[in-house]
């Protein structure tokens, strides 16, 4: 599915890039073409008057009806460096006398004259070998009933257009290849987060189904036992009902955690923020866990900087602290320690919760914030939790504009660090 998505992205990008390149070339080619056309038209219209200013004396070519003048090729001094020649024709378009260039042949002249007379379009390009010409037909000023056809060499401008076309045909495939390679790399990077999110969603659905399936199976089994053994001893009935009650409570906790997680991830931005003391929230959370800490003989140490004020959701900050403290207590062995610190660095508040214990391996550390993920598989579900706590804490930190990260030294300690923007009090 994701390969198809990537390929569609690539196809769309290549089509768009091709259209942009074609559009850019069309604009560039049109500008060059119309500029060359306008320049050729301007010089061609000026050619007859320029030719009249030259002193030309026809010299008959022996045995030929075509006449030429040796110096009829007008120099660049007169017409911008272009080459010109003139052919005189009758009113029927037949050659009466000619002024050929130094290398042109008679038949070629006849063919060019016929083409120019037939079309009488100054924009018509006439090919002769490797050269390109444009012509203008004007009445003769010296011989009544005759016309002069002036030919102008436009090979350079036509060559420029041809070279531009060949350059485009050569560059475009290379450009499209480069765009394809870059687009494929970008597409792979773009699709990867979607693929990972899809995989997480798939795994979440499977894990949630598994977590719900187990208590449902237990409830079903105990309900069947109650129905089949209606005459059984009351203490057994009470035991089975107790099992049903326990599993129902576990399912309720799971559903509540899932609903809370969904609520956090779809946080209502109209929620009221307020100014409160971050350190006081931490102190209150420590008081609520004193009994659990005492029961496991854990040394709870905390160093809280005073007057660290936040403007945020106090309820969600308290929830985040509670989750991190609860996680630290669960994974701290009896007789271990938990260290909690709060410091303010300029405009950022930093809270760290460090606990001794088995730690987290480097392979599993990147996944501890995934839903239903538990680093210690041996403890899975023995404490009644589902591995959603850290996912909720991560979502809270992101929704509040903070950053939650974890670091661990296996068989020594684990540290969770939470950063969030604090209120800066300016003193006079």
Protein backbone atom coordinates (compact mmCIF):
# COMPACT_ATOMS: atom_id res chain seq x y z
CA UNK A 1 0.00 0.00 0.00
CA UNK A 2 2.76 2.43 0.94
CA UNK A 3 4.75 1.55 -2.19
CA UNK A 4 1.69 2.46 -4.23
CA UNK A 5 1.36 5.71 -2.28
CA UNK A 6 5.05 6.47 -2.86
CA UNK A 7 4.74 5.70 -6.59
CA UNK A 8 1.70 7.95 -6.92
CA UNK A 9 3.61 10.72 -5.19
CA UNK A 10 6.54 10.18 -7.56
CA UNK A 11 4.28 10.16 -10.62
CA UNK A 12 2.53 13.36 -9.55
CA UNK A 13 5.83 15.05 -8.84
CA UNK A 14 7.35 13.98 -12.16
CA UNK A 15 4.29 15.13 -14.11
CA UNK A 16 4.32 18.48 -12.32
CA UNK A 17 8.07 18.91 -12.86
CA UNK A 18 7.76 17.99 -16.54
CA UNK A 19 4.98 20.52 -17.02
CA UNK A 20 7.04 23.21 -15.31
CA UNK A 21 10.08 22.44 -17.48
CA UNK A 22 8.00 22.36 -20.65
CA UNK A 23 6.30 25.60 -19.68
CA UNK A 24 9.61 27.30 -18.91
CA UNK A 25 11.11 26.11 -22.20
CA UNK A 26 8.03 27.18 -24.15
CA UNK A 27 8.26 30.68 -22.67
CA UNK A 28 12.02 30.90 -23.31
CA UNK A 29 11.74 29.51 -26.84
CA UNK A 30 8.85 31.86 -27.64
CA UNK A 31 10.81 34.88 -26.42
CA UNK A 32 13.87 33.94 -28.48
CA UNK A 33 11.73 33.07 -31.53
CA UNK A 34 9.70 36.28 -31.51
CA UNK A 35 12.80 38.35 -30.87
CA UNK A 36 14.59 36.72 -33.84
CA UNK A 37 11.46 37.08 -36.01
CA UNK A 38 11.08 40.75 -35.14
CA UNK A 39 14.78 41.44 -35.75
CA UNK A 40 14.72 39.62 -39.12
CA UNK A 41 11.57 41.46 -40.20
CA UNK A 42 13.06 44.81 -39.27
CA UNK A 43 16.28 44.21 -41.20
CA UNK A 44 14.48 42.65 -44.18
CA UNK A 45 12.16 45.65 -44.55
CA UNK A 46 15.16 47.96 -44.47
CA UNK A 47 17.07 45.95 -47.08
CA UNK A 48 15.62 47.47 -50.34
CA UNK A 49 16.47 51.05 -49.38
CA UNK A 50 19.91 49.95 -48.18
CA UNK A 51 20.59 48.14 -51.47
CA UNK A 52 19.67 51.21 -53.54
CA UNK A 53 22.46 53.16 -51.87
CA UNK A 54 25.05 50.71 -53.26
CA UNK A 55 26.59 51.28 -56.68
CA UNK A 56 25.90 48.03 -58.53
CA UNK A 57 26.63 47.40 -62.21
CA UNK A 58 25.18 44.21 -63.72
CA UNK A 59 27.72 41.99 -65.44
CA UNK A 60 26.32 39.33 -67.81
CA UNK A 61 27.30 35.77 -67.13
CA UNK A 62 28.34 34.10 -70.38
CA UNK A 63 25.64 31.78 -71.72
CA UNK A 64 23.33 32.46 -68.83
CA UNK A 65 20.12 34.40 -68.38
CA UNK A 66 21.09 35.11 -64.78
CA UNK A 67 23.08 38.25 -64.12
CA UNK A 68 25.08 38.88 -61.02
CA UNK A 69 27.03 41.68 -59.43
CA UNK A 70 30.23 40.70 -57.70
CA UNK A 71 29.88 43.18 -54.86
CA UNK A 72 26.15 42.82 -54.26
CA UNK A 73 26.81 41.06 -50.98
CA UNK A 74 26.21 43.91 -48.60
CA UNK A 75 28.78 44.06 -45.86
CA UNK A 76 28.10 44.03 -42.15
CA UNK A 77 28.84 47.70 -42.15
CA UNK A 78 25.46 48.27 -43.78
CA UNK A 79 23.15 45.61 -42.36
CA UNK A 80 24.44 44.30 -39.07
CA UNK A 81 26.72 41.60 -40.44
CA UNK A 82 24.06 39.66 -42.40
CA UNK A 83 24.48 38.39 -45.98
CA UNK A 84 22.05 39.55 -48.72
CA UNK A 85 21.53 39.16 -52.45
CA UNK A 86 18.93 40.27 -55.00
CA UNK A 87 17.11 38.59 -57.89
CA UNK A 88 15.05 40.57 -60.41
CA UNK A 89 11.89 38.93 -61.79
CA UNK A 90 9.16 39.84 -64.22
CA UNK A 91 5.53 40.35 -63.30
CA UNK A 92 5.02 36.62 -63.96
CA UNK A 93 7.70 35.65 -61.50
CA UNK A 94 10.20 34.66 -64.18
CA UNK A 95 13.84 35.59 -63.59
CA UNK A 96 14.87 38.51 -65.77
CA UNK A 97 18.22 39.14 -64.27
CA UNK A 98 19.94 38.04 -61.11
CA UNK A 99 22.62 39.02 -58.72
CA UNK A 100 23.86 35.70 -57.35
CA UNK A 101 26.12 35.24 -54.36
CA UNK A 102 29.62 34.05 -55.06
CA UNK A 103 28.79 30.37 -54.52
CA UNK A 104 25.09 30.03 -55.47
CA UNK A 105 24.14 28.07 -58.60
CA UNK A 106 21.60 29.11 -61.25
CA UNK A 107 19.07 26.33 -60.61
CA UNK A 108 19.16 27.05 -56.94
CA UNK A 109 18.39 30.71 -57.69
CA UNK A 110 15.42 29.78 -59.86
CA UNK A 111 14.01 27.52 -57.17
CA UNK A 112 14.45 30.13 -54.44
CA UNK A 113 12.92 32.86 -56.63
CA UNK A 114 9.88 30.69 -57.44
CA UNK A 115 9.35 29.87 -53.77
CA UNK A 116 9.67 33.50 -52.68
CA UNK A 117 7.38 34.75 -55.49
CA UNK A 118 4.74 32.10 -54.79
CA UNK A 119 4.60 32.71 -51.00
CA UNK A 120 5.46 36.44 -50.83
CA UNK A 121 5.67 36.10 -47.05
CA UNK A 122 8.63 37.74 -45.38
CA UNK A 123 8.42 35.25 -42.50
CA UNK A 124 8.75 32.23 -44.80
CA UNK A 125 12.11 30.50 -44.26
CA UNK A 126 13.63 29.08 -47.46
CA UNK A 127 16.27 26.36 -47.11
CA UNK A 128 19.24 26.10 -49.43
CA UNK A 129 21.71 23.44 -48.41
CA UNK A 130 22.80 24.29 -44.90
CA UNK A 131 21.71 27.91 -45.13
CA UNK A 132 18.36 29.52 -44.28
CA UNK A 133 16.96 32.57 -46.07
CA UNK A 134 14.01 34.94 -45.83
CA UNK A 135 12.82 37.04 -48.77
CA UNK A 136 10.91 40.23 -49.52
CA UNK A 137 9.39 41.13 -52.90
CA UNK A 138 9.30 44.82 -53.86
CA UNK A 139 8.61 46.62 -57.19
CA UNK A 140 11.70 47.65 -59.09
CA UNK A 141 12.50 51.36 -58.97
CA UNK A 142 14.47 51.25 -62.20
CA UNK A 143 12.61 48.90 -64.55
CA UNK A 144 8.87 49.20 -65.00
CA UNK A 145 6.94 45.95 -64.57
CA UNK A 146 9.76 44.16 -62.80
CA UNK A 147 10.18 43.18 -59.19
CA UNK A 148 13.22 42.70 -57.02
CA UNK A 149 13.40 39.79 -54.60
CA UNK A 150 15.81 40.47 -51.76
CA UNK A 151 17.07 37.45 -49.86
CA UNK A 152 18.55 37.72 -46.35
CA UNK A 153 20.60 35.02 -44.64
CA UNK A 154 18.92 34.01 -41.35
CA UNK A 155 21.06 30.94 -40.73
CA UNK A 156 22.53 32.29 -37.44
CA UNK A 157 19.14 33.04 -35.86
CA UNK A 158 17.62 29.77 -37.09
CA UNK A 159 20.71 27.97 -35.81
CA UNK A 160 20.23 29.59 -32.43
CA UNK A 161 16.68 28.24 -32.24
CA UNK A 162 17.84 24.79 -33.35
CA UNK A 163 20.65 24.76 -30.78
CA UNK A 164 18.23 25.88 -28.10
CA UNK A 165 15.91 23.01 -28.99
CA UNK A 166 18.74 20.46 -28.95
CA UNK A 167 19.99 21.84 -25.64
CA UNK A 168 16.54 21.43 -24.15
CA UNK A 169 16.24 17.87 -25.47
CA UNK A 170 19.62 17.08 -23.93
CA UNK A 171 19.13 18.79 -20.58
CA UNK A 172 15.54 17.78 -19.84
CA UNK A 173 16.16 13.99 -19.60
CA UNK A 174 19.11 14.59 -17.25
CA UNK A 175 17.07 17.05 -15.20
CA UNK A 176 14.12 14.66 -14.99
CA UNK A 177 16.46 11.85 -13.94
CA UNK A 178 17.91 14.02 -11.17
CA UNK A 179 14.42 15.10 -10.11
CA UNK A 180 13.29 11.46 -10.09
CA UNK A 181 16.17 10.36 -7.86
CA UNK A 182 15.68 13.27 -5.47
CA UNK A 183 11.89 12.84 -5.45
CA UNK A 184 12.20 9.13 -4.73
CA UNK A 185 14.42 9.86 -1.75
CA UNK A 186 12.03 12.53 -0.50
CA UNK A 187 9.04 10.23 -1.11
CA UNK A 188 10.65 7.43 0.89
CA UNK A 189 11.27 9.82 3.76
CA UNK A 190 7.75 11.22 3.50
CA UNK A 191 6.08 7.82 3.46
CA UNK A 192 8.20 6.43 6.31
CA UNK A 193 6.40 8.36 9.11
CA UNK A 194 3.05 7.36 7.64
CA UNK A 195 4.17 3.74 7.49
CA UNK A 196 5.42 3.87 11.06
CA UNK A 197 2.19 5.49 12.25
CA UNK A 198 0.18 2.83 10.42
CA UNK A 199 2.27 0.08 11.99
CA UNK A 200 1.82 1.61 15.45
CA UNK A 201 -1.92 1.85 14.87
CA UNK A 202 -2.04 -1.76 13.71
CA UNK A 203 -0.01 -2.90 16.70
CA UNK A 204 -2.17 -0.80 19.01
CA UNK A 205 -5.34 -2.42 17.69
CA UNK A 206 -3.83 -5.88 18.10
CA UNK A 207 -2.60 -5.14 21.63
CA UNK A 208 -5.89 -3.57 22.68
CA UNK A 209 -7.78 -6.57 21.32
CA UNK A 210 -5.44 -8.90 23.21
CA UNK A 211 -5.82 -6.97 26.47
CA UNK A 212 -9.61 -7.04 26.16
CA UNK A 213 -9.74 -10.64 25.00
CA UNK A 214 -8.08 -12.05 28.13
CA UNK A 215 -10.48 -10.59 30.74
CA UNK A 216 -13.46 -11.33 28.49
CA UNK A 217 -12.39 -14.97 28.30
CA UNK A 218 -12.07 -15.14 32.10
CA UNK A 219 -15.45 -13.48 32.58
CA UNK A 220 -17.06 -15.86 30.10
CA UNK A 221 -15.51 -18.91 31.75
CA UNK A 222 -16.62 -17.89 35.23
CA UNK A 223 -20.10 -16.99 34.00
CA UNK A 224 -20.42 -20.42 32.36
CA UNK A 225 -19.27 -22.02 35.60
CA UNK A 226 -21.95 -20.16 37.52
CA UNK A 227 -24.63 -21.24 35.05
CA UNK A 228 -23.57 -24.88 34.99
CA UNK A 229 -23.00 -25.28 38.70
CA UNK A 230 -26.08 -23.61 40.12
CA UNK A 231 -26.13 -26.05 43.05
CA UNK A 232 -22.50 -25.45 43.92
CA UNK A 233 -21.25 -24.23 47.26
CA UNK A 234 -21.85 -20.54 47.99
CA UNK A 235 -18.12 -19.92 48.59
CA UNK A 236 -17.31 -21.09 45.04
CA UNK A 237 -20.00 -18.87 43.60
CA UNK A 238 -18.56 -15.95 45.55
CA UNK A 239 -15.08 -16.78 44.25
CA UNK A 240 -16.23 -16.85 40.62
CA UNK A 241 -18.15 -13.62 41.01
CA UNK A 242 -14.99 -12.11 42.52
CA UNK A 243 -13.02 -13.16 39.46
CA UNK A 244 -15.62 -11.54 37.24
CA UNK A 245 -15.48 -8.37 39.33
CA UNK A 246 -11.65 -8.23 39.12
CA UNK A 247 -11.60 -8.64 35.36
CA UNK A 248 -14.40 -6.12 34.95
CA UNK A 249 -12.37 -3.61 36.96
CA UNK A 250 -9.29 -4.30 34.81
CA UNK A 251 -11.31 -3.74 31.65
CA UNK A 252 -12.73 -0.53 33.08
CA UNK A 253 -9.22 0.73 33.87
CA UNK A 254 -8.07 -0.13 30.36
CA UNK A 255 -11.03 1.62 28.74
CA UNK A 256 -10.55 4.68 30.96
CA UNK A 257 -6.85 4.88 30.08
CA UNK A 258 -7.64 4.55 26.37
CA UNK A 259 -10.28 7.26 26.61
CA UNK A 260 -7.91 9.53 28.51
CA UNK A 261 -5.17 8.93 25.94
CA UNK A 262 -7.59 9.76 23.12
CA UNK A 263 -8.68 12.89 24.99
CA UNK A 264 -5.09 14.05 25.45
CA UNK A 265 -4.18 13.40 21.81
CA UNK A 266 -7.26 15.35 20.70
CA UNK A 267 -6.80 18.09 23.26
CA UNK A 268 -9.41 20.82 23.28
CA UNK A 269 -7.43 24.01 22.72
CA UNK A 270 -10.13 25.97 24.51
CA UNK A 271 -9.00 24.36 27.77
CA UNK A 272 -8.26 26.98 30.39
CA UNK A 273 -4.61 27.51 31.26
CA UNK A 274 -3.58 29.11 34.50
CA UNK A 275 -0.48 30.22 36.35
CA UNK A 276 0.68 27.81 39.06
CA UNK A 277 3.74 26.68 41.01
CA UNK A 278 5.43 23.69 39.33
CA UNK A 279 7.35 22.83 42.51
CA UNK A 280 4.16 22.71 44.56
CA UNK A 281 2.65 20.20 42.12
CA UNK A 282 5.71 17.97 42.54
CA UNK A 283 5.57 18.24 46.34
CA UNK A 284 1.89 17.30 46.36
CA UNK A 285 2.59 14.28 44.13
CA UNK A 286 5.40 13.12 46.44
CA UNK A 287 3.06 13.25 49.44
CA UNK A 288 0.53 10.97 47.71
CA UNK A 289 3.13 8.23 47.10
CA UNK A 290 4.78 8.28 50.53
CA UNK A 291 2.92 5.16 51.62
CA UNK A 292 4.01 3.14 48.56
CA UNK A 293 7.58 4.36 48.92
CA UNK A 294 7.65 3.44 52.59
CA UNK A 295 6.21 -0.01 51.89
CA UNK A 296 9.02 -0.82 49.40
CA UNK A 297 11.65 0.83 51.62
CA UNK A 298 12.59 3.21 48.83
CA UNK A 299 14.63 6.31 49.63
CA UNK A 300 12.79 9.28 48.10
CA UNK A 301 15.10 12.25 47.61
CA UNK A 302 14.01 15.49 46.03
CA UNK A 303 15.57 18.86 45.37
CA UNK A 304 12.97 21.36 44.20
CA UNK A 305 13.79 24.92 43.25
CA UNK A 306 11.23 27.35 44.59
CA UNK A 307 9.00 29.70 42.62
CA UNK A 308 9.21 27.91 39.28
CA UNK A 309 5.96 29.15 37.75
CA UNK A 310 4.19 27.71 34.72
CA UNK A 311 1.31 28.92 32.58
CA UNK A 312 -0.24 25.66 31.45
CA UNK A 313 -2.80 22.99 32.36
CA UNK A 314 -2.24 22.25 36.04
CA UNK A 315 -4.33 19.06 35.92
CA UNK A 316 -2.31 17.59 33.06
CA UNK A 317 1.02 18.54 34.65
CA UNK A 318 -0.08 16.75 37.83
CA UNK A 319 -1.12 13.73 35.76
CA UNK A 320 2.29 13.63 34.05
CA UNK A 321 4.14 13.84 37.39
CA UNK A 322 1.92 11.10 38.84
CA UNK A 323 2.59 8.77 35.89
CA UNK A 324 6.36 9.25 36.06
CA UNK A 325 6.45 8.76 39.84
CA UNK A 326 4.24 5.67 39.62
CA UNK A 327 6.49 4.24 36.89
CA UNK A 328 9.61 4.93 38.99
CA UNK A 329 8.12 3.18 42.04
CA UNK A 330 7.09 0.12 40.00
CA UNK A 331 10.55 -0.41 38.56
CA UNK A 332 12.58 0.44 41.67
CA UNK A 333 13.64 -2.64 43.60
CA UNK A 334 13.07 -2.82 47.33
CA UNK A 335 15.65 -0.71 49.19
CA UNK A 336 16.44 1.39 46.10
CA UNK A 337 16.16 5.13 45.59
CA UNK A 338 14.18 7.72 43.66
CA UNK A 339 15.66 11.18 43.11
CA UNK A 340 13.46 14.02 41.95
CA UNK A 341 14.86 17.40 40.94
CA UNK A 342 13.38 20.63 39.60
CA UNK A 343 15.55 23.41 38.21
CA UNK A 344 14.97 26.47 36.10
CA UNK A 345 17.33 27.34 33.26
CA UNK A 346 16.48 30.86 32.07
CA UNK A 347 12.97 30.42 30.60
CA UNK A 348 12.85 26.60 30.74
CA UNK A 349 11.84 24.44 33.69
CA UNK A 350 13.55 21.05 33.91
CA UNK A 351 12.19 18.19 36.00
CA UNK A 352 14.14 14.92 36.31
CA UNK A 353 12.98 11.72 37.98
CA UNK A 354 15.76 9.19 38.50
CA UNK A 355 15.30 5.73 39.98
CA UNK A 356 17.57 2.80 40.67
CA UNK A 357 16.70 -0.57 39.23
CA UNK A 358 17.24 -2.91 36.30
CA UNK A 359 17.25 -0.04 33.82
CA UNK A 360 16.29 -0.24 30.16
CA UNK A 361 18.40 -1.72 27.37
CA UNK A 362 19.50 0.41 24.43
CA UNK A 363 17.35 -1.73 22.09
CA UNK A 364 14.11 -1.14 23.98
CA UNK A 365 14.68 2.47 25.08
CA UNK A 366 13.32 4.03 21.82
CA UNK A 367 10.03 2.12 22.27
CA UNK A 368 9.15 2.85 25.90
CA UNK A 369 6.68 5.57 24.91
CA UNK A 370 4.81 3.24 22.53
CA UNK A 371 1.34 2.15 23.55
CA UNK A 372 1.14 -1.17 25.43
CA UNK A 373 4.92 -1.44 25.41
CA UNK A 374 6.56 -2.88 28.52
CA UNK A 375 10.33 -3.13 28.79
CA UNK A 376 10.11 -5.93 31.38
CA UNK A 377 7.98 -8.69 29.84
CA UNK A 378 8.25 -10.74 33.03
CA UNK A 379 6.21 -8.10 34.90
CA UNK A 380 3.55 -7.80 32.23
CA UNK A 381 0.11 -7.39 33.80
CA UNK A 382 1.24 -8.62 37.23
CA UNK A 383 0.67 -5.10 38.60
CA UNK A 384 -2.58 -4.60 36.70
CA UNK A 385 -1.16 -1.99 34.32
CA UNK A 386 -1.27 -2.07 30.53
CA UNK A 387 1.77 -0.08 29.42
CA UNK A 388 -0.22 3.02 28.53
CA UNK A 389 1.12 5.33 31.23
CA UNK A 390 4.25 6.53 29.47
CA UNK A 391 2.31 6.94 26.22
CA UNK A 392 -0.10 9.22 28.05
CA UNK A 393 2.79 11.15 29.64
CA UNK A 394 4.43 11.61 26.24
CA UNK A 395 1.19 12.85 24.69
CA UNK A 396 0.64 15.30 27.56
CA UNK A 397 4.15 16.72 27.19
CA UNK A 398 3.71 17.22 23.45
CA UNK A 399 0.27 18.80 23.80
CA UNK A 400 1.58 21.24 26.42
CA UNK A 401 4.55 22.19 24.25
CA UNK A 402 7.07 20.37 26.43
CA UNK A 403 9.59 17.63 25.78
CA UNK A 404 9.81 14.30 27.60
CA UNK A 405 12.84 12.06 27.15
CA UNK A 406 14.38 9.02 28.82
CA UNK A 407 17.87 7.78 29.46
CA UNK A 408 19.01 4.60 31.15
CA UNK A 409 22.08 2.73 32.34
CA UNK A 410 21.22 -1.00 32.38
CA UNK A 411 21.36 -2.62 35.83
CA UNK A 412 21.91 0.79 37.44
CA UNK A 413 19.30 3.50 36.93
CA UNK A 414 16.72 5.14 34.64
CA UNK A 415 16.18 8.88 34.25
CA UNK A 416 13.16 10.69 32.81
CA UNK A 417 13.61 14.38 31.94
CA UNK A 418 10.77 16.80 31.25
CA UNK A 419 11.32 20.31 29.85
CA UNK A 420 8.63 22.97 29.58
CA UNK A 421 8.57 26.73 29.16
CA UNK A 422 8.44 28.58 32.46
CA UNK A 423 7.24 32.06 33.32
CA UNK A 424 10.09 34.55 33.52
CA UNK A 425 9.68 37.05 36.32
CA UNK A 426 11.44 40.34 35.57
CA UNK A 427 12.75 42.09 38.67
CA UNK A 428 13.51 45.78 38.86
